[in-house]
Protein backbone atom coordinates (compact mmCIF):
# COMPACT_ATOMS: atom_id res chain seq x y z
CA MET A 1 108.52 45.13 53.34
CA LYS A 2 109.15 44.32 49.85
CA LYS A 3 109.15 46.87 47.03
CA ALA A 4 106.26 46.26 44.41
CA MET A 5 108.46 45.71 41.61
CA GLU A 6 111.53 43.52 43.22
CA PRO A 7 111.49 40.11 41.57
CA ARG A 8 110.10 37.19 43.53
CA VAL A 9 112.27 33.99 44.46
CA CYS A 10 110.43 31.00 44.90
CA PRO A 11 111.23 29.50 48.60
CA SER A 12 110.84 26.11 47.37
CA CYS A 13 112.92 25.77 44.18
CA GLN A 14 114.66 29.01 44.12
CA PRO A 15 114.24 30.45 40.64
CA ILE A 16 113.78 34.39 40.17
CA ASN A 17 110.04 35.07 39.16
CA SER A 18 108.37 38.42 37.78
CA PRO A 19 107.51 40.80 40.39
CA VAL A 20 103.80 40.32 39.36
CA THR A 21 103.60 36.55 39.68
CA ASN A 22 101.79 35.00 42.37
CA TYR A 23 102.93 31.49 41.51
CA CYS A 24 106.43 29.96 40.65
CA GLY A 25 106.80 29.21 36.93
CA THR A 26 108.90 26.15 37.91
CA CYS A 27 106.99 24.44 40.67
CA GLY A 28 103.71 26.39 41.14
CA HIS A 29 104.63 27.30 45.03
CA GLU A 30 102.61 30.43 46.05
CA LEU A 31 104.57 33.52 45.87
CA SER A 32 102.17 36.13 47.58
CA GLU A 33 99.88 36.11 50.44
CA GLN A 34 97.10 36.70 48.20
CA ALA A 35 97.86 33.35 46.56
CA VAL A 36 98.14 31.64 49.91
CA ARG A 37 94.66 32.84 50.57
CA ASP A 38 93.17 31.76 47.14
CA LEU A 39 94.80 28.38 47.27
CA GLU A 40 93.28 27.64 50.92
CA SER A 41 89.97 28.93 49.72
CA ALA A 42 89.85 26.91 46.98
CA LEU A 43 90.89 23.83 49.12
CA ARG A 44 88.05 24.65 51.46
CA ARG A 45 85.56 24.66 48.79
CA ILE A 46 86.75 21.39 47.33
CA GLN A 47 86.66 19.67 50.69
CA GLN A 48 82.99 21.04 51.34
CA ASN A 49 81.81 19.48 47.83
CA PRO A 50 80.03 16.28 48.69
CA ASP A 51 81.36 14.84 45.45
CA PHE A 52 84.80 14.94 46.89
CA ARG A 53 83.63 13.48 50.16
CA PHE A 54 82.42 10.49 48.17
CA ILE A 55 85.55 10.26 46.06
CA ARG A 56 87.71 10.42 49.28
CA GLU A 57 85.40 7.68 51.16
CA MET A 58 85.94 5.45 48.22
CA ALA A 59 89.59 5.95 48.14
CA ASP A 60 89.68 5.23 51.86
CA LYS A 61 87.62 1.90 51.40
CA GLY A 62 90.11 0.92 48.44
CA ARG A 63 93.14 1.41 50.75
CA ASN A 64 91.58 -0.55 53.15
CA LEU A 65 91.27 -3.31 51.19
CA ALA A 66 94.82 -3.32 50.11
């Protein structure tokens, strides 16, 4: 288990981040389990939004025309 005040190294781009940072300051990758849960929750809310479905359908139709 990590110590609470241990610096967080980004698994994606490798810089050292503050121990209290939830996202990498360089690439934005999640650095904590809470950040992962927050991101997954936000993505679910976006995908359930009717406006998002409409935009995705329009983008799919555009791809099919190309």
